[in-house]
Amino acid sequence: GESRRKPRVLWLWWHGPEGTTPDLDLIWRSYAGRFDLEHTFRF
């Protein structure tokens, strides 16, 4: 549905409690799921 658009890079800022490290696989999948909120607003 969006294959005609050229993908752009995505810059993110992460911060967590002291002693934790970011889970990169979880991070990019979590932000990809955030777009569902835009469809909720449209609905």
PDB file of all heavy atoms in Angstrom:
ATOM      1  N   GLY A   1       0.801  -1.217   0.000  1.00  0.00           N
ATOM      2  CA  GLY A   1       0.000   0.000   0.000  1.00  0.00           C
ATOM      3  C   GLY A   1       0.830   1.261   0.000  1.00  0.00           C
ATOM      4  O   GLY A   1       0.349   2.323  -0.369  1.00  0.00           O
ATOM      5  N   GLU A   2       2.103   1.169   0.419  1.00  0.00           N
ATOM      6  CA  GLU A   2       2.994   2.329   0.433  1.00  0.00           C
ATOM      7  C   GLU A   2       4.277   2.026  -0.345  1.00  0.00           C
ATOM      8  O   GLU A   2       5.302   2.683  -0.143  1.00  0.00           O
ATOM      9  CB  GLU A   2       3.350   2.712   1.873  1.00  0.00           C
ATOM     10  CG  GLU A   2       2.133   3.044   2.725  1.00  0.00           C
ATOM     11  CD  GLU A   2       2.527   3.416   4.129  1.00  0.00           C
ATOM     12  OE1 GLU A   2       3.743   3.470   4.395  1.00  0.00           O
ATOM     13  OE2 GLU A   2       1.648   3.665   4.960  1.00  0.00           O
ATOM     14  N   SER A   3       4.223   1.030  -1.215  1.00  0.00           N
ATOM     15  CA  SER A   3       5.440   0.599  -1.906  1.00  0.00           C
ATOM     16  C   SER A   3       5.935   1.626  -2.921  1.00  0.00           C
ATOM     17  O   SER A   3       7.091   1.580  -3.325  1.00  0.00           O
ATOM     18  CB  SER A   3       5.179  -0.747  -2.608  1.00  0.00           C
ATOM     19  OG  SER A   3       4.089  -0.621  -3.511  1.00  0.00           O
ATOM     20  N   ARG A   4       5.089   2.550  -3.369  1.00  0.00           N
ATOM     21  CA  ARG A   4       5.528   3.538  -4.342  1.00  0.00           C
ATOM     22  C   ARG A   4       6.428   4.593  -3.726  1.00  0.00           C
ATOM     23  O   ARG A   4       7.204   5.231  -4.434  1.00  0.00           O
ATOM     24  CB  ARG A   4       4.305   4.199  -4.992  1.00  0.00           C
ATOM     25  CG  ARG A   4       3.431   3.236  -5.784  1.00  0.00           C
ATOM     26  CD  ARG A   4       2.254   3.976  -6.407  1.00  0.00           C
ATOM     27  NE  ARG A   4       1.397   3.076  -7.168  1.00  0.00           N
ATOM     28  CZ  ARG A   4       0.274   3.453  -7.793  1.00  0.00           C
ATOM     29  NH1 ARG A   4      -0.108   4.729  -7.755  1.00  0.00           N
ATOM     30  NH2 ARG A   4      -0.450   2.570  -8.445  1.00  0.00           N
ATOM     31  N   ARG A   5       6.319   4.786  -2.442  1.00  0.00           N
ATOM     32  CA  ARG A   5       7.135   5.781  -1.766  1.00  0.00           C
ATOM     33  C   ARG A   5       8.507   5.224  -1.462  1.00  0.00           C
ATOM     34  O   ARG A   5       8.661   4.056  -1.090  1.00  0.00           O
ATOM     35  CB  ARG A   5       6.459   6.225  -0.472  1.00  0.00           C
ATOM     36  CG  ARG A   5       5.164   6.977  -0.659  1.00  0.00           C
ATOM     37  CD  ARG A   5       4.521   7.230   0.688  1.00  0.00           C
ATOM     38  NE  ARG A   5       5.477   7.805   1.629  1.00  0.00           N
ATOM     39  CZ  ARG A   5       5.241   7.916   2.942  1.00  0.00           C
ATOM     40  NH1 ARG A   5       4.114   7.465   3.449  1.00  0.00           N
ATOM     41  NH2 ARG A   5       6.151   8.452   3.731  1.00  0.00           N
ATOM     42  N   LYS A   6       9.516   6.058  -1.607  1.00  0.00           N
ATOM     43  CA  LYS A   6      10.868   5.651  -1.267  1.00  0.00           C
ATOM     44  C   LYS A   6      11.040   5.733   0.245  1.00  0.00           C
ATOM     45  O   LYS A   6      10.752   6.765   0.857  1.00  0.00           O
ATOM     46  CB  LYS A   6      11.883   6.556  -1.961  1.00  0.00           C
ATOM     47  CG  LYS A   6      13.319   6.154  -1.714  1.00  0.00           C
ATOM     48  CD  LYS A   6      14.278   7.096  -2.425  1.00  0.00           C
ATOM     49  CE  LYS A   6      15.721   6.705  -2.147  1.00  0.00           C
ATOM     50  NZ  LYS A   6      16.683   7.614  -2.829  1.00  0.00           N
ATOM     51  N   PRO A   7      11.486   4.667   0.882  1.00  0.00           N
ATOM     52  CA  PRO A   7      11.602   4.711   2.345  1.00  0.00           C
ATOM     53  C   PRO A   7      12.666   5.694   2.795  1.00  0.00           C
ATOM     54  O   PRO A   7      13.755   5.792   2.210  1.00  0.00           O
ATOM     55  CB  PRO A   7      11.970   3.263   2.708  1.00  0.00           C
ATOM     56  CG  PRO A   7      12.582   2.700   1.470  1.00  0.00           C
ATOM     57  CD  PRO A   7      11.885   3.363   0.320  1.00  0.00           C
ATOM     58  N   ARG A   8      12.361   6.443   3.838  1.00  0.00           N
ATOM     59  CA  ARG A   8      13.298   7.385   4.419  1.00  0.00           C
ATOM     60  C   ARG A   8      13.839   6.823   5.728  1.00  0.00           C
ATOM     61  O   ARG A   8      13.231   5.967   6.358  1.00  0.00           O
ATOM     62  CB  ARG A   8      12.624   8.732   4.668  1.00  0.00           C
ATOM     63  CG  ARG A   8      12.176   9.433   3.396  1.00  0.00           C
ATOM     64  CD  ARG A   8      11.591  10.790   3.701  1.00  0.00           C
ATOM     65  NE  ARG A   8      10.385  10.700   4.505  1.00  0.00           N
ATOM     66  CZ  ARG A   8       9.674  11.745   4.915  1.00  0.00           C
ATOM     67  NH1 ARG A   8      10.090  12.971   4.602  1.00  0.00           N
ATOM     68  NH2 ARG A   8       8.595  11.577   5.634  1.00  0.00           N
ATOM     69  N   VAL A   9      14.985   7.331   6.132  1.00  0.00           N
ATOM     70  CA  VAL A   9      15.580   6.872   7.380  1.00  0.00           C
ATOM     71  C   VAL A   9      14.768   7.416   8.557  1.00  0.00           C
ATOM     72  O   VAL A   9      14.111   8.459   8.459  1.00  0.00           O
ATOM     73  CB  VAL A   9      17.052   7.306   7.481  1.00  0.00           C
ATOM     74  CG1 VAL A   9      17.864   6.674   6.375  1.00  0.00           C
ATOM     75  CG2 VAL A   9      17.170   8.828   7.427  1.00  0.00           C
ATOM     76  N   LEU A  10      14.814   6.706   9.650  1.00  0.00           N
ATOM     77  CA  LEU A  10      14.046   7.055  10.844  1.00  0.00           C
ATOM     78  C   LEU A  10      15.002   7.232  12.012  1.00  0.00           C
ATOM     79  O   LEU A  10      15.740   6.308  12.372  1.00  0.00           O
ATOM     80  CB  LEU A  10      13.025   5.954  11.154  1.00  0.00           C
ATOM     81  CG  LEU A  10      12.141   6.156  12.386  1.00  0.00           C
ATOM     82  CD1 LEU A  10      11.236   7.366  12.202  1.00  0.00           C
ATOM     83  CD2 LEU A  10      11.311   4.909  12.649  1.00  0.00           C
ATOM     84  N   TRP A  11      14.999   8.437  12.591  1.00  0.00           N
ATOM     85  CA  TRP A  11      15.845   8.742  13.737  1.00  0.00           C
ATOM     86  C   TRP A  11      14.996   8.735  14.996  1.00  0.00           C
ATOM     87  O   TRP A  11      13.924   9.350  15.034  1.00  0.00           O
ATOM     88  CB  TRP A  11      16.533  10.097  13.581  1.00  0.00           C
ATOM     89  CG  TRP A  11      17.587  10.130  12.524  1.00  0.00           C
ATOM     90  CD1 TRP A  11      17.456  10.550  11.241  1.00  0.00           C
ATOM     91  CD2 TRP A  11      18.950   9.710  12.669  1.00  0.00           C
ATOM     92  NE1 TRP A  11      18.653  10.424  10.573  1.00  0.00           N
ATOM     93  CE2 TRP A  11      19.585   9.914  11.416  1.00  0.00           C
ATOM     94  CE3 TRP A  11      19.703   9.187  13.721  1.00  0.00           C
ATOM     95  CZ2 TRP A  11      20.927   9.611  11.217  1.00  0.00           C
ATOM     96  CZ3 TRP A  11      21.036   8.884  13.517  1.00  0.00           C
ATOM     97  CH2 TRP A  11      21.629   9.097  12.278  1.00  0.00           C
ATOM     98  N   LEU A  12      15.472   8.053  16.021  1.00  0.00           N
ATOM     99  CA  LEU A  12      14.744   7.914  17.276  1.00  0.00           C
ATOM    100  C   LEU A  12      15.670   8.229  18.446  1.00  0.00           C
ATOM    101  O   LEU A  12      16.891   8.072  18.356  1.00  0.00           O
ATOM    102  CB  LEU A  12      14.182   6.488  17.428  1.00  0.00           C
ATOM    103  CG  LEU A  12      13.249   5.991  16.316  1.00  0.00           C
ATOM    104  CD1 LEU A  12      12.956   4.518  16.503  1.00  0.00           C
ATOM    105  CD2 LEU A  12      11.955   6.789  16.297  1.00  0.00           C
ATOM    106  N   TRP A  13      15.063   8.660  19.533  1.00  0.00           N
ATOM    107  CA  TRP A  13      15.782   8.927  20.782  1.00  0.00           C
ATOM    108  C   TRP A  13      15.245   7.983  21.845  1.00  0.00           C
ATOM    109  O   TRP A  13      14.045   7.938  22.102  1.00  0.00           O
ATOM    110  CB  TRP A  13      15.580  10.382  21.207  1.00  0.00           C
ATOM    111  CG  TRP A  13      16.226  10.730  22.521  1.00  0.00           C
ATOM    112  CD1 TRP A  13      15.640  10.723  23.747  1.00  0.00           C
ATOM    113  CD2 TRP A  13      17.579  11.150  22.724  1.00  0.00           C
ATOM    114  NE1 TRP A  13      16.530  11.111  24.705  1.00  0.00           N
ATOM    115  CE2 TRP A  13      17.739  11.378  24.110  1.00  0.00           C
ATOM    116  CE3 TRP A  13      18.673  11.352  21.883  1.00  0.00           C
ATOM    117  CZ2 TRP A  13      18.944  11.805  24.663  1.00  0.00           C
ATOM    118  CZ3 TRP A  13      19.876  11.773  22.432  1.00  0.00           C
ATOM    119  CH2 TRP A  13      20.000  11.995  23.805  1.00  0.00           C
ATOM    120  N   TRP A  14      16.147   7.204  22.463  1.00  0.00           N
ATOM    121  CA  TRP A  14      15.748   6.224  23.476  1.00  0.00           C
ATOM    122  C   TRP A  14      16.422   6.530  24.792  1.00  0.00           C
ATOM    123  O   TRP A  14      17.592   6.939  24.838  1.00  0.00           O
ATOM    124  CB  TRP A  14      16.139   4.820  23.031  1.00  0.00           C
ATOM    125  CG  TRP A  14      15.785   3.760  24.049  1.00  0.00           C
ATOM    126  CD1 TRP A  14      14.621   3.070  24.146  1.00  0.00           C
ATOM    127  CD2 TRP A  14      16.615   3.286  25.127  1.00  0.00           C
ATOM    128  NE1 TRP A  14      14.662   2.206  25.206  1.00  0.00           N
ATOM    129  CE2 TRP A  14      15.874   2.315  25.836  1.00  0.00           C
ATOM    130  CE3 TRP A  14      17.905   3.602  25.557  1.00  0.00           C
ATOM    131  CZ2 TRP A  14      16.387   1.651  26.943  1.00  0.00           C
ATOM    132  CZ3 TRP A  14      18.421   2.951  26.675  1.00  0.00           C
ATOM    133  CH2 TRP A  14      17.667   1.988  27.343  1.00  0.00           C
ATOM    134  N   HIS A  15      15.672   6.333  25.862  1.00  0.00           N
ATOM    135  CA  HIS A  15      16.223   6.452  27.216  1.00  0.00           C
ATOM    136  C   HIS A  15      15.468   5.510  28.125  1.00  0.00           C
ATOM    137  O   HIS A  15      14.245   5.352  28.014  1.00  0.00           O
ATOM    138  CB  HIS A  15      16.115   7.885  27.745  1.00  0.00           C
ATOM    139  CG  HIS A  15      16.627   8.027  29.155  1.00  0.00           C
ATOM    140  ND1 HIS A  15      17.972   8.014  29.461  1.00  0.00           N
ATOM    141  CD2 HIS A  15      15.971   8.174  30.333  1.00  0.00           C
ATOM    142  CE1 HIS A  15      18.128   8.161  30.759  1.00  0.00           C
ATOM    143  NE2 HIS A  15      16.925   8.251  31.320  1.00  0.00           N
ATOM    144  N   GLY A  16      16.207   4.848  29.012  1.00  0.00           N
ATOM    145  CA  GLY A  16      15.614   3.915  29.950  1.00  0.00           C
ATOM    146  C   GLY A  16      16.248   4.031  31.316  1.00  0.00           C
ATOM    147  O   GLY A  16      17.159   4.850  31.541  1.00  0.00           O
ATOM    148  N   PRO A  17      15.787   3.222  32.271  1.00  0.00           N
ATOM    149  CA  PRO A  17      16.381   3.256  33.611  1.00  0.00           C
ATOM    150  C   PRO A  17      17.868   2.919  33.581  1.00  0.00           C
ATOM    151  O   PRO A  17      18.373   2.296  32.651  1.00  0.00           O
ATOM    152  CB  PRO A  17      15.575   2.191  34.372  1.00  0.00           C
ATOM    153  CG  PRO A  17      14.311   2.026  33.599  1.00  0.00           C
ATOM    154  CD  PRO A  17      14.664   2.289  32.173  1.00  0.00           C
ATOM    155  N   GLU A  18      18.556   3.348  34.608  1.00  0.00           N
ATOM    156  CA  GLU A  18      20.000   3.125  34.678  1.00  0.00           C
ATOM    157  C   GLU A  18      20.302   1.628  34.726  1.00  0.00           C
ATOM    158  O   GLU A  18      19.663   0.865  35.466  1.00  0.00           O
ATOM    159  CB  GLU A  18      20.562   3.817  35.921  1.00  0.00           C
ATOM    160  CG  GLU A  18      22.076   3.781  36.012  1.00  0.00           C
ATOM    161  CD  GLU A  18      22.593   4.549  37.209  1.00  0.00           C
ATOM    162  OE1 GLU A  18      21.755   5.142  37.925  1.00  0.00           O
ATOM    163  OE2 GLU A  18      23.825   4.551  37.420  1.00  0.00           O
ATOM    164  N   GLY A  19      21.252   1.223  33.913  1.00  0.00           N
ATOM    165  CA  GLY A  19      21.630  -0.180  33.866  1.00  0.00           C
ATOM    166  C   GLY A  19      20.940  -0.983  32.783  1.00  0.00           C
ATOM    167  O   GLY A  19      21.262  -2.158  32.597  1.00  0.00           O
ATOM    168  N   THR A  20      19.992  -0.381  32.052  1.00  0.00           N
ATOM    169  CA  THR A  20      19.289  -1.091  30.980  1.00  0.00           C
ATOM    170  C   THR A  20      19.873  -0.695  29.630  1.00  0.00           C
ATOM    171  O   THR A  20      20.380   0.410  29.455  1.00  0.00           O
ATOM    172  CB  THR A  20      17.792  -0.776  31.005  1.00  0.00           C
ATOM    173  OG1 THR A  20      17.606   0.649  30.842  1.00  0.00           O
ATOM    174  CG2 THR A  20      17.162  -1.218  32.315  1.00  0.00           C
ATOM    175  N   THR A  21      19.788  -1.609  28.693  1.00  0.00           N
ATOM    176  CA  THR A  21      20.253  -1.365  27.328  1.00  0.00           C
ATOM    177  C   THR A  21      19.071  -1.483  26.376  1.00  0.00           C
ATOM    178  O   THR A  21      18.147  -2.271  26.621  1.00  0.00           O
ATOM    179  CB  THR A  21      21.344  -2.363  26.927  1.00  0.00           C
ATOM    180  OG1 THR A  21      20.839  -3.707  27.101  1.00  0.00           O
ATOM    181  CG2 THR A  21      22.579  -2.177  27.787  1.00  0.00           C
ATOM    182  N   PRO A  22      19.058  -0.731  25.278  1.00  0.00           N
ATOM    183  CA  PRO A  22      17.911  -0.791  24.366  1.00  0.00           C
ATOM    184  C   PRO A  22      17.871  -2.101  23.588  1.00  0.00           C
ATOM    185  O   PRO A  22      18.897  -2.603  23.121  1.00  0.00           O
ATOM    186  CB  PRO A  22      18.149   0.407  23.437  1.00  0.00           C
ATOM    187  CG  PRO A  22      19.625   0.635  23.483  1.00  0.00           C
ATOM    188  CD  PRO A  22      20.070   0.257  24.860  1.00  0.00           C
ATOM    189  N   ASP A  23      16.677  -2.645  23.472  1.00  0.00           N
ATOM    190  CA  ASP A  23      16.431  -3.812  22.624  1.00  0.00           C
ATOM    191  C   ASP A  23      16.103  -3.288  21.234  1.00  0.00           C
ATOM    192  O   ASP A  23      14.982  -2.845  20.966  1.00  0.00           O
ATOM    193  CB  ASP A  23      15.276  -4.639  23.198  1.00  0.00           C
ATOM    194  CG  ASP A  23      15.051  -5.935  22.440  1.00  0.00           C
ATOM    195  OD1 ASP A  23      15.688  -6.126  21.376  1.00  0.00           O
ATOM    196  OD2 ASP A  23      14.229  -6.757  22.889  1.00  0.00           O
ATOM    197  N   LEU A  24      17.055  -3.325  20.314  1.00  0.00           N
ATOM    198  CA  LEU A  24      16.887  -2.692  19.004  1.00  0.00           C
ATOM    199  C   LEU A  24      15.776  -3.351  18.195  1.00  0.00           C
ATOM    200  O   LEU A  24      15.079  -2.671  17.435  1.00  0.00           O
ATOM    201  CB  LEU A  24      18.208  -2.737  18.239  1.00  0.00           C
ATOM    202  CG  LEU A  24      19.381  -2.011  18.905  1.00  0.00           C
ATOM    203  CD1 LEU A  24      20.610  -2.047  18.008  1.00  0.00           C
ATOM    204  CD2 LEU A  24      19.013  -0.574  19.240  1.00  0.00           C
ATOM    205  N   ASP A  25      15.599  -4.656  18.324  1.00  0.00           N
ATOM    206  CA  ASP A  25      14.517  -5.312  17.585  1.00  0.00           C
ATOM    207  C   ASP A  25      13.156  -4.869  18.103  1.00  0.00           C
ATOM    208  O   ASP A  25      12.225  -4.640  17.328  1.00  0.00           O
ATOM    209  CB  ASP A  25      14.670  -6.834  17.703  1.00  0.00           C
ATOM    210  CG  ASP A  25      13.664  -7.574  16.846  1.00  0.00           C
ATOM    211  OD1 ASP A  25      13.747  -7.480  15.599  1.00  0.00           O
ATOM    212  OD2 ASP A  25      12.761  -8.228  17.407  1.00  0.00           O
ATOM    213  N   LEU A  26      13.028  -4.719  19.417  1.00  0.00           N
ATOM    214  CA  LEU A  26      11.770  -4.248  19.997  1.00  0.00           C
ATOM    215  C   LEU A  26      11.523  -2.785  19.661  1.00  0.00           C
ATOM    216  O   LEU A  26      10.378  -2.372  19.441  1.00  0.00           O
ATOM    217  CB  LEU A  26      11.794  -4.456  21.514  1.00  0.00           C
ATOM    218  CG  LEU A  26      10.606  -3.895  22.296  1.00  0.00           C
ATOM    219  CD1 LEU A  26       9.316  -4.605  21.908  1.00  0.00           C
ATOM    220  CD2 LEU A  26      10.846  -4.003  23.796  1.00  0.00           C
ATOM    221  N   ILE A  27      12.577  -1.975  19.603  1.00  0.00           N
ATOM    222  CA  ILE A  27      12.427  -0.534  19.389  1.00  0.00           C
ATOM    223  C   ILE A  27      11.819  -0.240  18.031  1.00  0.00           C
ATOM    224  O   ILE A  27      10.832   0.505  17.920  1.00  0.00           O
ATOM    225  CB  ILE A  27      13.791   0.157  19.561  1.00  0.00           C
ATOM    226  CG1 ILE A  27      14.118   0.312  21.044  1.00  0.00           C
ATOM    227  CG2 ILE A  27      13.812   1.517  18.874  1.00  0.00           C
ATOM    228  CD1 ILE A  27      15.450   0.960  21.309  1.00  0.00           C
ATOM    229  N   TRP A  28      12.366  -0.800  16.962  1.00  0.00           N
ATOM    230  CA  TRP A  28      11.857  -0.436  15.643  1.00  0.00           C
ATOM    231  C   TRP A  28      10.458  -1.018  15.413  1.00  0.00           C
ATOM    232  O   TRP A  28       9.623  -0.401  14.743  1.00  0.00           O
ATOM    233  CB  TRP A  28      12.834  -0.873  14.556  1.00  0.00           C
ATOM    234  CG  TRP A  28      12.743  -2.311  14.129  1.00  0.00           C
ATOM    235  CD1 TRP A  28      13.451  -3.358  14.616  1.00  0.00           C
ATOM    236  CD2 TRP A  28      11.890  -2.849  13.108  1.00  0.00           C
ATOM    237  NE1 TRP A  28      13.103  -4.521  13.985  1.00  0.00           N
ATOM    238  CE2 TRP A  28      12.156  -4.231  13.052  1.00  0.00           C
ATOM    239  CE3 TRP A  28      10.943  -2.296  12.257  1.00  0.00           C
ATOM    240  CZ2 TRP A  28      11.486  -5.077  12.173  1.00  0.00           C
ATOM    241  CZ3 TRP A  28      10.283  -3.132  11.375  1.00  0.00           C
ATOM    242  CH2 TRP A  28      10.552  -4.505  11.336  1.00  0.00           C
ATOM    243  N   ARG A  29      10.175  -2.187  15.976  1.00  0.00           N
ATOM    244  CA  ARG A  29       8.831  -2.761  15.838  1.00  0.00           C
ATOM    245  C   ARG A  29       7.809  -1.966  16.654  1.00  0.00           C
ATOM    246  O   ARG A  29       6.645  -1.830  16.251  1.00  0.00           O
ATOM    247  CB  ARG A  29       8.826  -4.220  16.265  1.00  0.00           C
ATOM    248  CG  ARG A  29       9.698  -5.120  15.377  1.00  0.00           C
ATOM    249  CD  ARG A  29       9.599  -6.578  15.783  1.00  0.00           C
ATOM    250  NE  ARG A  29      10.541  -7.397  15.031  1.00  0.00           N
ATOM    251  CZ  ARG A  29      10.304  -7.875  13.819  1.00  0.00           C
ATOM    252  NH1 ARG A  29       9.149  -7.630  13.223  1.00  0.00           N
ATOM    253  NH2 ARG A  29      11.213  -8.619  13.194  1.00  0.00           N
ATOM    254  N   SER A  30       8.226  -1.438  17.790  1.00  0.00           N
ATOM    255  CA  SER A  30       7.306  -0.638  18.609  1.00  0.00           C
ATOM    256  C   SER A  30       6.920   0.647  17.906  1.00  0.00           C
ATOM    257  O   SER A  30       5.756   1.061  17.927  1.00  0.00           O
ATOM    258  CB  SER A  30       7.947  -0.339  19.965  1.00  0.00           C
ATOM    259  OG  SER A  30       8.227  -1.517  20.662  1.00  0.00           O
ATOM    260  N   TYR A  31       7.897   1.302  17.284  1.00  0.00           N
ATOM    261  CA  TYR A  31       7.541   2.544  16.596  1.00  0.00           C
ATOM    262  C   TYR A  31       6.719   2.270  15.339  1.00  0.00           C
ATOM    263  O   TYR A  31       5.857   3.070  14.972  1.00  0.00           O
ATOM    264  CB  TYR A  31       8.785   3.349  16.236  1.00  0.00           C
ATOM    265  CG  TYR A  31       8.423   4.758  15.851  1.00  0.00           C
ATOM    266  CD1 TYR A  31       8.251   5.726  16.833  1.00  0.00           C
ATOM    267  CD2 TYR A  31       8.193   5.113  14.524  1.00  0.00           C
ATOM    268  CE1 TYR A  31       7.878   7.014  16.496  1.00  0.00           C
ATOM    269  CE2 TYR A  31       7.821   6.404  14.184  1.00  0.00           C
ATOM    270  CZ  TYR A  31       7.665   7.346  15.178  1.00  0.00           C
ATOM    271  OH  TYR A  31       7.276   8.614  14.840  1.00  0.00           O
ATOM    272  N   ALA A  32       6.983   1.146  14.666  1.00  0.00           N
ATOM    273  CA  ALA A  32       6.143   0.803  13.514  1.00  0.00           C
ATOM    274  C   ALA A  32       4.697   0.574  13.941  1.00  0.00           C
ATOM    275  O   ALA A  32       3.758   0.903  13.207  1.00  0.00           O
ATOM    276  CB  ALA A  32       6.697  -0.443  12.820  1.00  0.00           C
ATOM    277  N   GLY A  33       4.486   0.046  15.149  1.00  0.00           N
ATOM    278  CA  GLY A  33       3.125  -0.136  15.646  1.00  0.00           C
ATOM    279  C   GLY A  33       2.459   1.149  16.089  1.00  0.00           C
ATOM    280  O   GLY A  33       1.243   1.195  16.255  1.00  0.00           O
ATOM    281  N   ARG A  34       3.252   2.223  16.308  1.00  0.00           N
ATOM    282  CA  ARG A  34       2.664   3.490  16.735  1.00  0.00           C
ATOM    283  C   ARG A  34       1.776   4.101  15.660  1.00  0.00           C
ATOM    284  O   ARG A  34       0.859   4.873  15.968  1.00  0.00           O
ATOM    285  CB  ARG A  34       3.798   4.471  17.102  1.00  0.00           C
ATOM    286  CG  ARG A  34       3.352   5.664  17.934  1.00  0.00           C
ATOM    287  CD  ARG A  34       4.170   6.887  17.611  1.00  0.00           C
ATOM    288  NE  ARG A  34       3.909   7.370  16.285  1.00  0.00           N
ATOM    289  CZ  ARG A  34       2.923   8.205  15.964  1.00  0.00           C
ATOM    290  NH1 ARG A  34       2.102   8.634  16.894  1.00  0.00           N
ATOM    291  NH2 ARG A  34       2.747   8.597  14.724  1.00  0.00           N
ATOM    292  N   PHE A  35       2.008   3.753  14.383  1.00  0.00           N
ATOM    293  CA  PHE A  35       1.215   4.335  13.308  1.00  0.00           C
ATOM    294  C   PHE A  35      -0.250   3.909  13.382  1.00  0.00           C
ATOM    295  O   PHE A  35      -1.111   4.536  12.761  1.00  0.00           O
ATOM    296  CB  PHE A  35       1.811   3.960  11.947  1.00  0.00           C
ATOM    297  CG  PHE A  35       3.101   4.665  11.643  1.00  0.00           C
ATOM    298  CD1 PHE A  35       4.311   4.014  11.749  1.00  0.00           C
ATOM    299  CD2 PHE A  35       3.118   5.997  11.273  1.00  0.00           C
ATOM    300  CE1 PHE A  35       5.508   4.661  11.477  1.00  0.00           C
ATOM    301  CE2 PHE A  35       4.299   6.658  11.010  1.00  0.00           C
ATOM    302  CZ  PHE A  35       5.497   5.983  11.111  1.00  0.00           C
ATOM    303  N   ASP A  36      -0.540   2.826  14.110  1.00  0.00           N
ATOM    304  CA  ASP A  36      -1.942   2.434  14.285  1.00  0.00           C
ATOM    305  C   ASP A  36      -2.741   3.530  14.977  1.00  0.00           C
ATOM    306  O   ASP A  36      -3.953   3.642  14.786  1.00  0.00           O
ATOM    307  CB  ASP A  36      -2.023   1.141  15.097  1.00  0.00           C
ATOM    308  CG  ASP A  36      -1.394  -0.033  14.367  1.00  0.00           C
ATOM    309  OD1 ASP A  36      -1.206   0.093  13.134  1.00  0.00           O
ATOM    310  OD2 ASP A  36      -1.106  -1.056  15.003  1.00  0.00           O
ATOM    311  N   LEU A  37      -2.061   4.325  15.792  1.00  0.00           N
ATOM    312  CA  LEU A  37      -2.758   5.400  16.490  1.00  0.00           C
ATOM    313  C   LEU A  37      -3.287   6.440  15.515  1.00  0.00           C
ATOM    314  O   LEU A  37      -4.357   7.027  15.740  1.00  0.00           O
ATOM    315  CB  LEU A  37      -1.807   6.052  17.497  1.00  0.00           C
ATOM    316  CG  LEU A  37      -2.410   7.077  18.451  1.00  0.00           C
ATOM    317  CD1 LEU A  37      -3.478   6.434  19.303  1.00  0.00           C
ATOM    318  CD2 LEU A  37      -1.328   7.684  19.331  1.00  0.00           C
ATOM    319  N   GLU A  38      -2.576   6.683  14.411  1.00  0.00           N
ATOM    320  CA  GLU A  38      -3.053   7.639  13.407  1.00  0.00           C
ATOM    321  C   GLU A  38      -4.339   7.144  12.764  1.00  0.00           C
ATOM    322  O   GLU A  38      -5.260   7.936  12.504  1.00  0.00           O
ATOM    323  CB  GLU A  38      -1.974   7.855  12.344  1.00  0.00           C
ATOM    324  CG  GLU A  38      -0.626   8.299  12.894  1.00  0.00           C
ATOM    325  CD  GLU A  38      -0.705   9.648  13.572  1.00  0.00           C
ATOM    326  OE1 GLU A  38      -1.625  10.426  13.269  1.00  0.00           O
ATOM    327  OE2 GLU A  38       0.170   9.926  14.424  1.00  0.00           O
ATOM    328  N   HIS A  39      -4.436   5.839  12.508  1.00  0.00           N
ATOM    329  CA  HIS A  39      -5.673   5.287  11.951  1.00  0.00           C
ATOM    330  C   HIS A  39      -6.810   5.385  12.965  1.00  0.00           C
ATOM    331  O   HIS A  39      -7.974   5.548  12.584  1.00  0.00           O
ATOM    332  CB  HIS A  39      -5.449   3.831  11.533  1.00  0.00           C
ATOM    333  CG  HIS A  39      -4.426   3.670  10.457  1.00  0.00           C
ATOM    334  ND1 HIS A  39      -4.690   3.979   9.133  1.00  0.00           N
ATOM    335  CD2 HIS A  39      -3.135   3.250  10.489  1.00  0.00           C
ATOM    336  CE1 HIS A  39      -3.601   3.742   8.402  1.00  0.00           C
ATOM    337  NE2 HIS A  39      -2.656   3.312   9.198  1.00  0.00           N
ATOM    338  N   THR A  40      -6.484   5.276  14.259  1.00  0.00           N
ATOM    339  CA  THR A  40      -7.519   5.432  15.285  1.00  0.00           C
ATOM    340  C   THR A  40      -8.080   6.842  15.274  1.00  0.00           C
ATOM    341  O   THR A  40      -9.301   7.039  15.352  1.00  0.00           O
ATOM    342  CB  THR A  40      -6.936   5.095  16.665  1.00  0.00           C
ATOM    343  OG1 THR A  40      -6.393   3.777  16.642  1.00  0.00           O
ATOM    344  CG2 THR A  40      -8.006   5.181  17.731  1.00  0.00           C
ATOM    345  N   PHE A  41      -7.209   7.837  15.175  1.00  0.00           N
ATOM    346  CA  PHE A  41      -7.683   9.224  15.120  1.00  0.00           C
ATOM    347  C   PHE A  41      -8.559   9.448  13.886  1.00  0.00           C
ATOM    348  O   PHE A  41      -9.587  10.141  13.961  1.00  0.00           O
ATOM    349  CB  PHE A  41      -6.493  10.183  15.095  1.00  0.00           C
ATOM    350  CG  PHE A  41      -5.786  10.296  16.412  1.00  0.00           C
ATOM    351  CD1 PHE A  41      -4.422  10.500  16.467  1.00  0.00           C
ATOM    352  CD2 PHE A  41      -6.483  10.192  17.599  1.00  0.00           C
ATOM    353  CE1 PHE A  41      -3.755  10.601  17.685  1.00  0.00           C
ATOM    354  CE2 PHE A  41      -5.831  10.288  18.816  1.00  0.00           C
ATOM    355  CZ  PHE A  41      -4.470  10.485  18.865  1.00  0.00           C
ATOM    356  N   ARG A  42      -8.160   8.893  12.760  1.00  0.00           N
ATOM    357  CA  ARG A  42      -8.967   9.063  11.547  1.00  0.00           C
ATOM    358  C   ARG A  42     -10.331   8.407  11.702  1.00  0.00           C
ATOM    359  O   ARG A  42     -11.354   8.969  11.284  1.00  0.00           O
ATOM    360  CB  ARG A  42      -8.220   8.467  10.353  1.00  0.00           C
ATOM    361  CG  ARG A  42      -8.948   8.676   9.025  1.00  0.00           C
ATOM    362  CD  ARG A  42      -8.184   8.089   7.872  1.00  0.00           C
ATOM    363  NE  ARG A  42      -8.062   6.649   7.986  1.00  0.00           N
ATOM    364  CZ  ARG A  42      -7.501   5.881   7.056  1.00  0.00           C
ATOM    365  NH1 ARG A  42      -6.973   6.422   5.980  1.00  0.00           N
ATOM    366  NH2 ARG A  42      -7.423   4.583   7.234  1.00  0.00           N
ATOM    367  N   PHE A  43     -10.379   7.229  12.331  1.00  0.00           N
ATOM    368  CA  PHE A  43     -11.652   6.551  12.548  1.00  0.00           C
ATOM    369  C   PHE A  43     -12.547   7.351  13.491  1.00  0.00           C
ATOM    370  O   PHE A  43     -13.762   7.469  13.262  1.00  0.00           O
ATOM    371  CB  PHE A  43     -11.398   5.149  13.111  1.00  0.00           C
ATOM    372  CG  PHE A  43     -12.640   4.425  13.534  1.00  0.00           C
ATOM    373  CD1 PHE A  43     -13.488   3.874  12.585  1.00  0.00           C
ATOM    374  CD2 PHE A  43     -12.960   4.285  14.872  1.00  0.00           C
ATOM    375  CE1 PHE A  43     -14.640   3.218  12.973  1.00  0.00           C
ATOM    376  CE2 PHE A  43     -14.105   3.628  15.257  1.00  0.00           C
ATOM    377  CZ  PHE A  43     -14.951   3.085  14.309  1.00  0.00           C
TER     378      PHE A  43
END
